[in-house]
Structure formats: structure tokens, C-alpha cells
Amino acid sequence: VSPLLDYADFDGAALLSNDPFRGASIPGGSIRLMDAPGLGASPAPTIDLAAAFQSA
């Protein structure tokens, strides 16, 4: 798909005020993934996942 894109927006998670996951960071404008399988995302220790994904 990437050859069809002029621009890709990957920083959406950085704009969340209460992101239930930790993983990628954007130091100096470059996306850095964690050194873990896949994208390296893991639940934030301070987030109640059941409440975070509960329907409104």
C-alpha cells in the first residue's frame, strides 16, 4: 500500500491524552518502535483495560 501514499500519518497515538498502551515514541520527529515482538505495544501499567475498552 505504501507506494500508493504521498504522505502517511503515523503519529495519531502520540496525540492521545489517555493512551491505554505504551510502545512507539517520536523523539526528534522520527518514529521509534520498542524492542519487542510486533510493534512492541504493551498495556500501560496505570490503565484499567476493561474500563478503557468499555462501550459508552
PDB file of N, CA and C in Angstrom:
ATOM      1  N   VAL A   1       0.823  -1.188   0.000  1.00  0.00           N
ATOM      2  CA  VAL A   1       0.000   0.000   0.000  1.00  0.00           C
ATOM      3  C   VAL A   1       0.871   1.256   0.000  1.00  0.00           C
ATOM      4  N   SER A   2       2.015   1.232   0.669  1.00  0.00           N
ATOM      5  CA  SER A   2       2.820   2.449   0.804  1.00  0.00           C
ATOM      6  C   SER A   2       3.232   3.087  -0.519  1.00  0.00           C
ATOM      7  N   PRO A   3       3.440   2.350  -1.623  1.00  0.00           N
ATOM      8  CA  PRO A   3       3.749   3.032  -2.881  1.00  0.00           C
ATOM      9  C   PRO A   3       2.605   3.917  -3.376  1.00  0.00           C
ATOM     10  N   LEU A   4       1.395   3.681  -2.888  1.00  0.00           N
ATOM     11  CA  LEU A   4       0.243   4.466  -3.309  1.00  0.00           C
ATOM     12  C   LEU A   4       0.049   5.724  -2.462  1.00  0.00           C
ATOM     13  N   LEU A   5       0.847   5.879  -1.409  1.00  0.00           N
ATOM     14  CA  LEU A   5       0.692   7.015  -0.497  1.00  0.00           C
ATOM     15  C   LEU A   5       1.657   8.143  -0.829  1.00  0.00           C
ATOM     16  N   ASP A   6       1.161   9.364  -0.773  1.00  0.00           N
ATOM     17  CA  ASP A   6       2.048  10.522  -0.838  1.00  0.00           C
ATOM     18  C   ASP A   6       2.560  10.848   0.563  1.00  0.00           C
ATOM     19  N   TYR A   7       1.667  10.776   1.543  1.00  0.00           N
ATOM     20  CA  TYR A   7       2.008  11.040   2.937  1.00  0.00           C
ATOM     21  C   TYR A   7       1.273  10.031   3.810  1.00  0.00           C
ATOM     22  N   ALA A   8       1.912   9.585   4.883  1.00  0.00           N
ATOM     23  CA  ALA A   8       1.286   8.674   5.835  1.00  0.00           C
ATOM     24  C   ALA A   8       1.311   9.328   7.216  1.00  0.00           C
ATOM     25  N   ASP A   9       0.219   9.223   7.948  1.00  0.00           N
ATOM     26  CA  ASP A   9       0.102   9.826   9.271  1.00  0.00           C
ATOM     27  C   ASP A   9       0.199   8.725  10.318  1.00  0.00           C
ATOM     28  N   PHE A  10       1.342   8.617  10.966  1.00  0.00           N
ATOM     29  CA  PHE A  10       1.569   7.566  11.952  1.00  0.00           C
ATOM     30  C   PHE A  10       1.627   8.078  13.384  1.00  0.00           C
ATOM     31  N   ASP A  11       1.439   9.366  13.601  1.00  0.00           N
ATOM     32  CA  ASP A  11       1.620   9.909  14.941  1.00  0.00           C
ATOM     33  C   ASP A  11       0.318  10.099  15.716  1.00  0.00           C
ATOM     34  N   GLY A  12      -0.773   9.524  15.252  1.00  0.00           N
ATOM     35  CA  GLY A  12      -2.064   9.697  15.914  1.00  0.00           C
ATOM     36  C   GLY A  12      -2.060   9.281  17.374  1.00  0.00           C
ATOM     37  N   ALA A  13      -1.391   8.180  17.713  1.00  0.00           N
ATOM     38  CA  ALA A  13      -1.358   7.717  19.101  1.00  0.00           C
ATOM     39  C   ALA A  13      -0.631   8.703  20.008  1.00  0.00           C
ATOM     40  N   ALA A  14       0.309   9.446  19.474  1.00  0.00           N
ATOM     41  CA  ALA A  14       1.043  10.430  20.281  1.00  0.00           C
ATOM     42  C   ALA A  14       0.140  11.578  20.716  1.00  0.00           C
ATOM     43  N   LEU A  15      -0.985  11.747  20.055  1.00  0.00           N
ATOM     44  CA  LEU A  15      -1.902  12.839  20.369  1.00  0.00           C
ATOM     45  C   LEU A  15      -2.951  12.458  21.410  1.00  0.00           C
ATOM     46  N   LEU A  16      -2.995  11.188  21.818  1.00  0.00           N
ATOM     47  CA  LEU A  16      -3.976  10.735  22.803  1.00  0.00           C
ATOM     48  C   LEU A  16      -3.573  11.188  24.201  1.00  0.00           C
ATOM     49  N   SER A  17      -4.508  11.743  24.935  1.00  0.00           N
ATOM     50  CA  SER A  17      -4.198  12.190  26.295  1.00  0.00           C
ATOM     51  C   SER A  17      -4.221  11.038  27.294  1.00  0.00           C
ATOM     52  N   ASN A  18      -4.922   9.954  26.980  1.00  0.00           N
ATOM     53  CA  ASN A  18      -5.038   8.824  27.898  1.00  0.00           C
ATOM     54  C   ASN A  18      -4.845   7.527  27.117  1.00  0.00           C
ATOM     55  N   ASP A  19      -3.703   7.371  26.480  1.00  0.00           N
ATOM     56  CA  ASP A  19      -3.408   6.201  25.655  1.00  0.00           C
ATOM     57  C   ASP A  19      -3.271   4.968  26.546  1.00  0.00           C
ATOM     58  N   PRO A  20      -4.075   3.913  26.320  1.00  0.00           N
ATOM     59  CA  PRO A  20      -4.004   2.726  27.165  1.00  0.00           C
ATOM     60  C   PRO A  20      -2.819   1.816  26.849  1.00  0.00           C
ATOM     61  N   PHE A  21      -1.987   2.179  25.889  1.00  0.00           N
ATOM     62  CA  PHE A  21      -0.837   1.355  25.519  1.00  0.00           C
ATOM     63  C   PHE A  21       0.434   2.183  25.464  1.00  0.00           C
ATOM     64  N   ARG A  22       1.554   1.529  25.669  1.00  0.00           N
ATOM     65  CA  ARG A  22       2.872   2.131  25.516  1.00  0.00           C
ATOM     66  C   ARG A  22       3.571   1.391  24.384  1.00  0.00           C
ATOM     67  N   GLY A  23       4.395   2.091  23.671  1.00  0.00           N
ATOM     68  CA  GLY A  23       5.106   1.452  22.567  1.00  0.00           C
ATOM     69  C   GLY A  23       5.963   2.452  21.834  1.00  0.00           C
ATOM     70  N   ALA A  24       5.542   2.840  20.660  1.00  0.00           N
ATOM     71  CA  ALA A  24       6.326   3.753  19.832  1.00  0.00           C
ATOM     72  C   ALA A  24       6.443   5.125  20.484  1.00  0.00           C
ATOM     73  N   SER A  25       7.565   5.760  20.229  1.00  0.00           N
ATOM     74  CA  SER A  25       7.766   7.148  20.652  1.00  0.00           C
ATOM     75  C   SER A  25       8.238   7.941  19.435  1.00  0.00           C
ATOM     76  N   ILE A  26       8.208   9.260  19.545  1.00  0.00           N
ATOM     77  CA  ILE A  26       8.579  10.100  18.405  1.00  0.00           C
ATOM     78  C   ILE A  26       9.607  11.144  18.859  1.00  0.00           C
ATOM     79  N   PRO A  27      10.818  10.702  19.216  1.00  0.00           N
ATOM     80  CA  PRO A  27      11.845  11.667  19.609  1.00  0.00           C
ATOM     81  C   PRO A  27      12.432  12.366  18.379  1.00  0.00           C
ATOM     82  N   GLY A  28      12.441  13.659  18.376  1.00  0.00           N
ATOM     83  CA  GLY A  28      13.037  14.403  17.274  1.00  0.00           C
ATOM     84  C   GLY A  28      12.354  14.223  15.934  1.00  0.00           C
ATOM     85  N   GLY A  29      11.091  13.796  15.944  1.00  0.00           N
ATOM     86  CA  GLY A  29      10.346  13.651  14.698  1.00  0.00           C
ATOM     87  C   GLY A  29      10.503  12.314  13.999  1.00  0.00           C
ATOM     88  N   SER A  30      11.270  11.390  14.574  1.00  0.00           N
ATOM     89  CA  SER A  30      11.436  10.052  13.996  1.00  0.00           C
ATOM     90  C   SER A  30      10.698   9.038  14.854  1.00  0.00           C
ATOM     91  N   ILE A  31       9.925   8.165  14.235  1.00  0.00           N
ATOM     92  CA  ILE A  31       9.189   7.142  14.979  1.00  0.00           C
ATOM     93  C   ILE A  31      10.154   6.046  15.404  1.00  0.00           C
ATOM     94  N   ARG A  32      10.157   5.733  16.699  1.00  0.00           N
ATOM     95  CA  ARG A  32      10.988   4.666  17.256  1.00  0.00           C
ATOM     96  C   ARG A  32      10.070   3.609  17.849  1.00  0.00           C
ATOM     97  N   LEU A  33      10.219   2.369  17.393  1.00  0.00           N
ATOM     98  CA  LEU A  33       9.436   1.267  17.938  1.00  0.00           C
ATOM     99  C   LEU A  33      10.194   0.625  19.087  1.00  0.00           C
ATOM    100  N   MET A  34       9.461  -0.026  19.968  1.00  0.00           N
ATOM    101  CA  MET A  34      10.069  -0.717  21.093  1.00  0.00           C
ATOM    102  C   MET A  34      10.783  -1.966  20.590  1.00  0.00           C
ATOM    103  N   ASP A  35      11.731  -2.447  21.361  1.00  0.00           N
ATOM    104  CA  ASP A  35      12.455  -3.665  21.021  1.00  0.00           C
ATOM    105  C   ASP A  35      11.689  -4.858  21.598  1.00  0.00           C
ATOM    106  N   ALA A  36      10.564  -5.165  20.974  1.00  0.00           N
ATOM    107  CA  ALA A  36       9.685  -6.250  21.406  1.00  0.00           C
ATOM    108  C   ALA A  36       8.997  -6.808  20.162  1.00  0.00           C
ATOM    109  N   PRO A  37       8.389  -7.974  20.251  1.00  0.00           N
ATOM    110  CA  PRO A  37       7.719  -8.545  19.073  1.00  0.00           C
ATOM    111  C   PRO A  37       6.649  -7.617  18.504  1.00  0.00           C
ATOM    112  N   GLY A  38       6.455  -7.691  17.210  1.00  0.00           N
ATOM    113  CA  GLY A  38       5.442  -6.873  16.539  1.00  0.00           C
ATOM    114  C   GLY A  38       5.807  -5.409  16.629  1.00  0.00           C
ATOM    115  N   LEU A  39       4.844  -4.577  16.960  1.00  0.00           N
ATOM    116  CA  LEU A  39       5.104  -3.148  17.121  1.00  0.00           C
ATOM    117  C   LEU A  39       5.635  -2.812  18.510  1.00  0.00           C
ATOM    118  N   GLY A  40       5.648  -3.798  19.390  1.00  0.00           N
ATOM    119  CA  GLY A  40       6.173  -3.584  20.730  1.00  0.00           C
ATOM    120  C   GLY A  40       5.208  -2.921  21.685  1.00  0.00           C
ATOM    121  N   ALA A  41       3.952  -2.814  21.306  1.00  0.00           N
ATOM    122  CA  ALA A  41       2.964  -2.174  22.180  1.00  0.00           C
ATOM    123  C   ALA A  41       2.629  -3.079  23.357  1.00  0.00           C
ATOM    124  N   SER A  42       2.443  -2.468  24.521  1.00  0.00           N
ATOM    125  CA  SER A  42       2.036  -3.212  25.708  1.00  0.00           C
ATOM    126  C   SER A  42       1.095  -2.327  26.524  1.00  0.00           C
ATOM    127  N   PRO A  43       0.210  -2.946  27.310  1.00  0.00           N
ATOM    128  CA  PRO A  43      -0.720  -2.145  28.112  1.00  0.00           C
ATOM    129  C   PRO A  43       0.031  -1.246  29.092  1.00  0.00           C
ATOM    130  N   ALA A  44      -0.420  -0.028  29.238  1.00  0.00           N
ATOM    131  CA  ALA A  44       0.163   0.889  30.222  1.00  0.00           C
ATOM    132  C   ALA A  44      -0.179   0.377  31.616  1.00  0.00           C
ATOM    133  N   PRO A  45       0.761   0.389  32.543  1.00  0.00           N
ATOM    134  CA  PRO A  45       0.502  -0.173  33.874  1.00  0.00           C
ATOM    135  C   PRO A  45      -0.558   0.585  34.672  1.00  0.00           C
ATOM    136  N   THR A  46      -0.819   1.828  34.335  1.00  0.00           N
ATOM    137  CA  THR A  46      -1.776   2.627  35.112  1.00  0.00           C
ATOM    138  C   THR A  46      -3.174   2.630  34.515  1.00  0.00           C
ATOM    139  N   ILE A  47      -3.394   1.882  33.440  1.00  0.00           N
ATOM    140  CA  ILE A  47      -4.685   1.894  32.752  1.00  0.00           C
ATOM    141  C   ILE A  47      -5.471   0.631  33.078  1.00  0.00           C
ATOM    142  N   ASP A  48      -6.738   0.783  33.418  1.00  0.00           N
ATOM    143  CA  ASP A  48      -7.658  -0.339  33.603  1.00  0.00           C
ATOM    144  C   ASP A  48      -8.205  -0.683  32.221  1.00  0.00           C
ATOM    145  N   LEU A  49      -7.685  -1.754  31.602  1.00  0.00           N
ATOM    146  CA  LEU A  49      -8.066  -2.082  30.228  1.00  0.00           C
ATOM    147  C   LEU A  49      -9.551  -2.376  30.083  1.00  0.00           C
ATOM    148  N   ALA A  50     -10.161  -3.003  31.075  1.00  0.00           N
ATOM    149  CA  ALA A  50     -11.598  -3.285  30.988  1.00  0.00           C
ATOM    150  C   ALA A  50     -12.386  -1.984  30.881  1.00  0.00           C
ATOM    151  N   ALA A  51     -12.017  -0.990  31.662  1.00  0.00           N
ATOM    152  CA  ALA A  51     -12.706   0.300  31.615  1.00  0.00           C
ATOM    153  C   ALA A  51     -12.367   1.066  30.343  1.00  0.00           C
ATOM    154  N   ALA A  52     -11.126   0.947  29.869  1.00  0.00           N
ATOM    155  CA  ALA A  52     -10.697   1.683  28.677  1.00  0.00           C
ATOM    156  C   ALA A  52     -11.451   1.238  27.434  1.00  0.00           C
ATOM    157  N   PHE A  53     -11.827  -0.034  27.379  1.00  0.00           N
ATOM    158  CA  PHE A  53     -12.497  -0.554  26.192  1.00  0.00           C
ATOM    159  C   PHE A  53     -13.983  -0.800  26.399  1.00  0.00           C
ATOM    160  N   GLN A  54     -14.531  -0.288  27.476  1.00  0.00           N
ATOM    161  CA  GLN A  54     -15.957  -0.431  27.747  1.00  0.00           C
ATOM    162  C   GLN A  54     -16.745   0.497  26.827  1.00  0.00           C
ATOM    163  N   SER A  55     -17.842  -0.002  26.282  1.00  0.00           N
ATOM    164  CA  SER A  55     -18.679   0.818  25.395  1.00  0.00           C
ATOM    165  C   SER A  55     -19.334   1.945  26.176  1.00  0.00           C
ATOM    166  N   ALA A  56     -19.453   3.078  25.527  1.00  0.00           N
ATOM    167  CA  ALA A  56     -20.078   4.237  26.180  1.00  0.00           C
ATOM    168  C   ALA A  56     -21.578   4.133  26.131  1.00  0.00           C
TER     169      ALA A  56
END
